[in-house]
Amino acid sequence: MSTNMSANQTTIPAATRFDVPDDLTAADSKLVYLFVTVSDGVTVDELQATLDIKKISLFPVLDTLSERGLIDRVDDEYVTAAS
């Protein structure tokens, strides 16, 4: 198993735990939510490149997460919604 990481990968301390809301059932929604949560802000292009999900699939996921108040769009980036 390789421990080398590329420049666009985010590292998370081993002791960190992230809870996914119970109402998120789709794998893409969970994945996008977690990635936005650990990022300081992420663009659609960054999500597409890192998660290997097509933009046509990302936009509905981002819309749903935004509608549920889980993420916010700030300029061209998505960030975790303020609690």
N, C-alpha and C. Protein backbone atom coordinates (compact mmCIF):
# COMPACT_ATOMS: atom_id res chain seq x y z
N MET A 1 0.84 -1.17 0.00
CA MET A 1 0.00 0.00 0.00
C MET A 1 0.89 1.24 0.00
N SER A 2 0.67 2.14 -0.89
CA SER A 2 1.48 3.33 -1.02
C SER A 2 1.00 4.42 -0.07
N THR A 3 1.96 5.15 0.50
CA THR A 3 1.60 6.27 1.37
C THR A 3 1.83 7.61 0.70
N ASN A 4 2.28 7.58 -0.54
CA ASN A 4 2.48 8.83 -1.28
C ASN A 4 1.14 9.42 -1.65
N MET A 5 1.04 10.75 -1.52
CA MET A 5 -0.22 11.42 -1.85
C MET A 5 0.07 12.48 -2.90
N SER A 6 -0.87 12.65 -3.81
CA SER A 6 -0.71 13.69 -4.81
C SER A 6 -1.07 15.03 -4.19
N ALA A 7 -0.72 16.11 -4.86
CA ALA A 7 -0.91 17.46 -4.35
C ALA A 7 -2.38 17.81 -4.12
N ASN A 8 -3.31 17.19 -4.83
CA ASN A 8 -4.71 17.57 -4.70
C ASN A 8 -5.47 16.72 -3.69
N GLN A 9 -4.80 15.85 -2.94
CA GLN A 9 -5.48 15.03 -1.95
C GLN A 9 -5.48 15.72 -0.60
N THR A 10 -6.55 15.53 0.15
CA THR A 10 -6.70 16.10 1.47
C THR A 10 -6.38 15.04 2.50
N THR A 11 -5.55 15.40 3.49
CA THR A 11 -5.25 14.46 4.56
C THR A 11 -6.12 14.78 5.76
N ILE A 12 -6.56 13.74 6.45
CA ILE A 12 -7.42 13.88 7.62
C ILE A 12 -6.73 13.17 8.77
N PRO A 13 -6.57 13.84 9.91
CA PRO A 13 -5.96 13.16 11.06
C PRO A 13 -6.75 11.91 11.41
N ALA A 14 -6.06 10.86 11.83
CA ALA A 14 -6.69 9.57 12.09
C ALA A 14 -7.78 9.65 13.15
N ALA A 15 -7.66 10.53 14.12
CA ALA A 15 -8.62 10.61 15.21
C ALA A 15 -9.88 11.42 14.85
N THR A 16 -9.88 12.05 13.69
CA THR A 16 -11.01 12.87 13.30
C THR A 16 -12.16 11.98 12.84
N ARG A 17 -13.38 12.35 13.28
CA ARG A 17 -14.58 11.60 12.89
C ARG A 17 -15.58 12.58 12.29
N PHE A 18 -16.17 12.19 11.19
CA PHE A 18 -17.16 13.01 10.52
C PHE A 18 -18.46 12.22 10.44
N ASP A 19 -19.52 12.82 10.94
CA ASP A 19 -20.82 12.16 10.88
C ASP A 19 -21.57 12.62 9.64
N VAL A 20 -22.19 11.67 8.98
CA VAL A 20 -23.00 11.95 7.80
C VAL A 20 -24.46 11.98 8.26
N PRO A 21 -25.21 13.00 7.87
CA PRO A 21 -26.62 13.05 8.26
C PRO A 21 -27.35 11.77 7.85
N ASP A 22 -28.23 11.29 8.71
CA ASP A 22 -28.97 10.04 8.47
C ASP A 22 -29.81 10.07 7.20
N ASP A 23 -30.29 11.27 6.82
CA ASP A 23 -31.17 11.32 5.65
C ASP A 23 -30.40 11.28 4.33
N LEU A 24 -29.08 11.27 4.38
CA LEU A 24 -28.29 11.09 3.15
C LEU A 24 -28.11 9.59 2.94
N THR A 25 -28.74 9.06 1.92
CA THR A 25 -28.67 7.62 1.68
C THR A 25 -27.87 7.26 0.43
N ALA A 26 -27.80 8.16 -0.54
CA ALA A 26 -27.08 7.88 -1.78
C ALA A 26 -25.57 8.02 -1.56
N ALA A 27 -24.83 7.11 -2.13
CA ALA A 27 -23.37 7.11 -1.96
C ALA A 27 -22.75 8.41 -2.46
N ASP A 28 -23.19 8.91 -3.62
CA ASP A 28 -22.63 10.16 -4.15
C ASP A 28 -22.89 11.33 -3.21
N SER A 29 -24.07 11.39 -2.62
CA SER A 29 -24.40 12.47 -1.69
C SER A 29 -23.50 12.41 -0.46
N LYS A 30 -23.30 11.23 0.07
CA LYS A 30 -22.43 11.07 1.23
C LYS A 30 -21.00 11.47 0.90
N LEU A 31 -20.52 11.00 -0.23
CA LEU A 31 -19.15 11.28 -0.64
C LEU A 31 -18.92 12.78 -0.85
N VAL A 32 -19.83 13.43 -1.57
CA VAL A 32 -19.70 14.86 -1.82
C VAL A 32 -19.80 15.64 -0.51
N TYR A 33 -20.75 15.28 0.34
CA TYR A 33 -20.91 15.96 1.63
C TYR A 33 -19.63 15.85 2.45
N LEU A 34 -19.06 14.66 2.56
CA LEU A 34 -17.83 14.49 3.34
C LEU A 34 -16.67 15.27 2.75
N PHE A 35 -16.55 15.27 1.43
CA PHE A 35 -15.45 16.00 0.80
C PHE A 35 -15.58 17.49 1.04
N VAL A 36 -16.78 18.03 0.91
CA VAL A 36 -16.99 19.46 1.17
C VAL A 36 -16.69 19.76 2.64
N THR A 37 -17.10 18.85 3.53
CA THR A 37 -16.89 19.04 4.97
C THR A 37 -15.41 19.15 5.33
N VAL A 38 -14.57 18.35 4.70
CA VAL A 38 -13.14 18.37 5.04
C VAL A 38 -12.36 19.41 4.25
N SER A 39 -13.01 20.07 3.34
CA SER A 39 -12.35 21.10 2.51
C SER A 39 -12.63 22.48 3.07
N ASP A 40 -11.75 23.40 2.75
CA ASP A 40 -11.97 24.80 3.12
C ASP A 40 -12.80 25.51 2.07
N GLY A 41 -13.26 24.80 1.12
CA GLY A 41 -14.01 25.32 -0.01
C GLY A 41 -13.56 24.55 -1.24
N VAL A 42 -14.51 24.13 -2.04
CA VAL A 42 -14.16 23.29 -3.18
C VAL A 42 -15.05 23.68 -4.36
N THR A 43 -14.46 23.73 -5.54
CA THR A 43 -15.21 24.05 -6.75
C THR A 43 -15.76 22.77 -7.37
N VAL A 44 -16.67 22.95 -8.29
CA VAL A 44 -17.23 21.80 -9.01
C VAL A 44 -16.12 21.08 -9.77
N ASP A 45 -15.21 21.84 -10.38
CA ASP A 45 -14.11 21.23 -11.12
C ASP A 45 -13.23 20.38 -10.20
N GLU A 46 -12.97 20.87 -8.99
CA GLU A 46 -12.17 20.11 -8.03
C GLU A 46 -12.90 18.84 -7.59
N LEU A 47 -14.20 18.97 -7.35
CA LEU A 47 -14.99 17.79 -6.99
C LEU A 47 -14.95 16.75 -8.10
N GLN A 48 -15.14 17.22 -9.32
CA GLN A 48 -15.15 16.30 -10.47
C GLN A 48 -13.80 15.59 -10.59
N ALA A 49 -12.73 16.33 -10.52
CA ALA A 49 -11.40 15.75 -10.70
C ALA A 49 -11.02 14.80 -9.56
N THR A 50 -11.35 15.18 -8.36
CA THR A 50 -10.95 14.38 -7.20
C THR A 50 -11.83 13.16 -6.99
N LEU A 51 -13.14 13.35 -7.12
CA LEU A 51 -14.07 12.25 -6.85
C LEU A 51 -14.41 11.43 -8.07
N ASP A 52 -14.00 11.91 -9.23
CA ASP A 52 -14.27 11.21 -10.50
C ASP A 52 -15.77 11.01 -10.72
N ILE A 53 -16.53 12.08 -10.46
CA ILE A 53 -17.97 12.08 -10.71
C ILE A 53 -18.24 13.13 -11.78
N LYS A 54 -19.01 12.77 -12.78
CA LYS A 54 -19.30 13.70 -13.87
C LYS A 54 -20.10 14.90 -13.36
N LYS A 55 -19.85 16.05 -13.98
CA LYS A 55 -20.54 17.27 -13.58
C LYS A 55 -22.05 17.12 -13.66
N ILE A 56 -22.53 16.43 -14.68
CA ILE A 56 -23.97 16.25 -14.84
C ILE A 56 -24.57 15.50 -13.65
N SER A 57 -23.77 14.71 -12.96
CA SER A 57 -24.21 14.02 -11.75
C SER A 57 -23.97 14.85 -10.50
N LEU A 58 -22.95 15.70 -10.52
CA LEU A 58 -22.62 16.50 -9.35
C LEU A 58 -23.64 17.59 -9.05
N PHE A 59 -24.13 18.26 -10.08
CA PHE A 59 -25.03 19.39 -9.85
C PHE A 59 -26.30 19.01 -9.08
N PRO A 60 -26.98 17.92 -9.41
CA PRO A 60 -28.15 17.55 -8.60
C PRO A 60 -27.80 17.23 -7.15
N VAL A 61 -26.65 16.60 -6.94
CA VAL A 61 -26.20 16.29 -5.58
C VAL A 61 -25.95 17.59 -4.81
N LEU A 62 -25.23 18.52 -5.44
CA LEU A 62 -24.94 19.80 -4.79
C LEU A 62 -26.23 20.57 -4.50
N ASP A 63 -27.16 20.54 -5.44
CA ASP A 63 -28.45 21.21 -5.23
C ASP A 63 -29.19 20.61 -4.03
N THR A 64 -29.22 19.29 -3.95
CA THR A 64 -29.91 18.62 -2.85
C THR A 64 -29.25 18.96 -1.51
N LEU A 65 -27.92 18.90 -1.46
CA LEU A 65 -27.22 19.23 -0.22
C LEU A 65 -27.45 20.68 0.18
N SER A 66 -27.51 21.57 -0.80
CA SER A 66 -27.79 22.99 -0.53
C SER A 66 -29.20 23.18 -0.01
N GLU A 67 -30.18 22.53 -0.66
CA GLU A 67 -31.58 22.64 -0.25
C GLU A 67 -31.80 22.13 1.16
N ARG A 68 -31.05 21.13 1.56
CA ARG A 68 -31.18 20.57 2.91
C ARG A 68 -30.39 21.37 3.95
N GLY A 69 -29.73 22.43 3.51
CA GLY A 69 -28.99 23.28 4.44
C GLY A 69 -27.68 22.69 4.93
N LEU A 70 -27.13 21.74 4.19
CA LEU A 70 -25.89 21.09 4.60
C LEU A 70 -24.65 21.76 4.05
N ILE A 71 -24.77 22.35 2.87
CA ILE A 71 -23.65 23.08 2.27
C ILE A 71 -24.17 24.41 1.73
N ASP A 72 -23.26 25.33 1.53
CA ASP A 72 -23.59 26.64 0.95
C ASP A 72 -22.66 26.89 -0.24
N ARG A 73 -23.15 27.68 -1.16
CA ARG A 73 -22.30 28.11 -2.27
C ARG A 73 -21.85 29.53 -1.99
N VAL A 74 -20.54 29.73 -2.00
CA VAL A 74 -19.94 31.05 -1.79
C VAL A 74 -19.08 31.32 -3.01
N ASP A 75 -19.54 32.28 -3.82
CA ASP A 75 -18.91 32.55 -5.11
C ASP A 75 -18.92 31.28 -5.93
N ASP A 76 -17.75 30.76 -6.30
CA ASP A 76 -17.73 29.54 -7.12
C ASP A 76 -17.33 28.30 -6.32
N GLU A 77 -17.36 28.40 -5.00
CA GLU A 77 -16.99 27.27 -4.16
C GLU A 77 -18.15 26.82 -3.28
N TYR A 78 -18.11 25.56 -2.91
CA TYR A 78 -19.07 25.01 -1.97
C TYR A 78 -18.35 24.79 -0.64
N VAL A 79 -19.04 25.18 0.44
CA VAL A 79 -18.49 25.08 1.79
C VAL A 79 -19.55 24.46 2.70
N THR A 80 -19.11 23.97 3.84
CA THR A 80 -20.05 23.45 4.83
C THR A 80 -20.93 24.60 5.32
N ALA A 81 -22.21 24.34 5.44
CA ALA A 81 -23.15 25.37 5.89
C ALA A 81 -22.85 25.76 7.32
N ALA A 82 -23.02 27.04 7.60
CA ALA A 82 -22.85 27.53 8.97
C ALA A 82 -23.97 26.98 9.83
N SER A 83 -23.62 26.51 11.00
CA SER A 83 -24.64 25.92 11.89
C SER A 83 -25.43 26.97 12.61
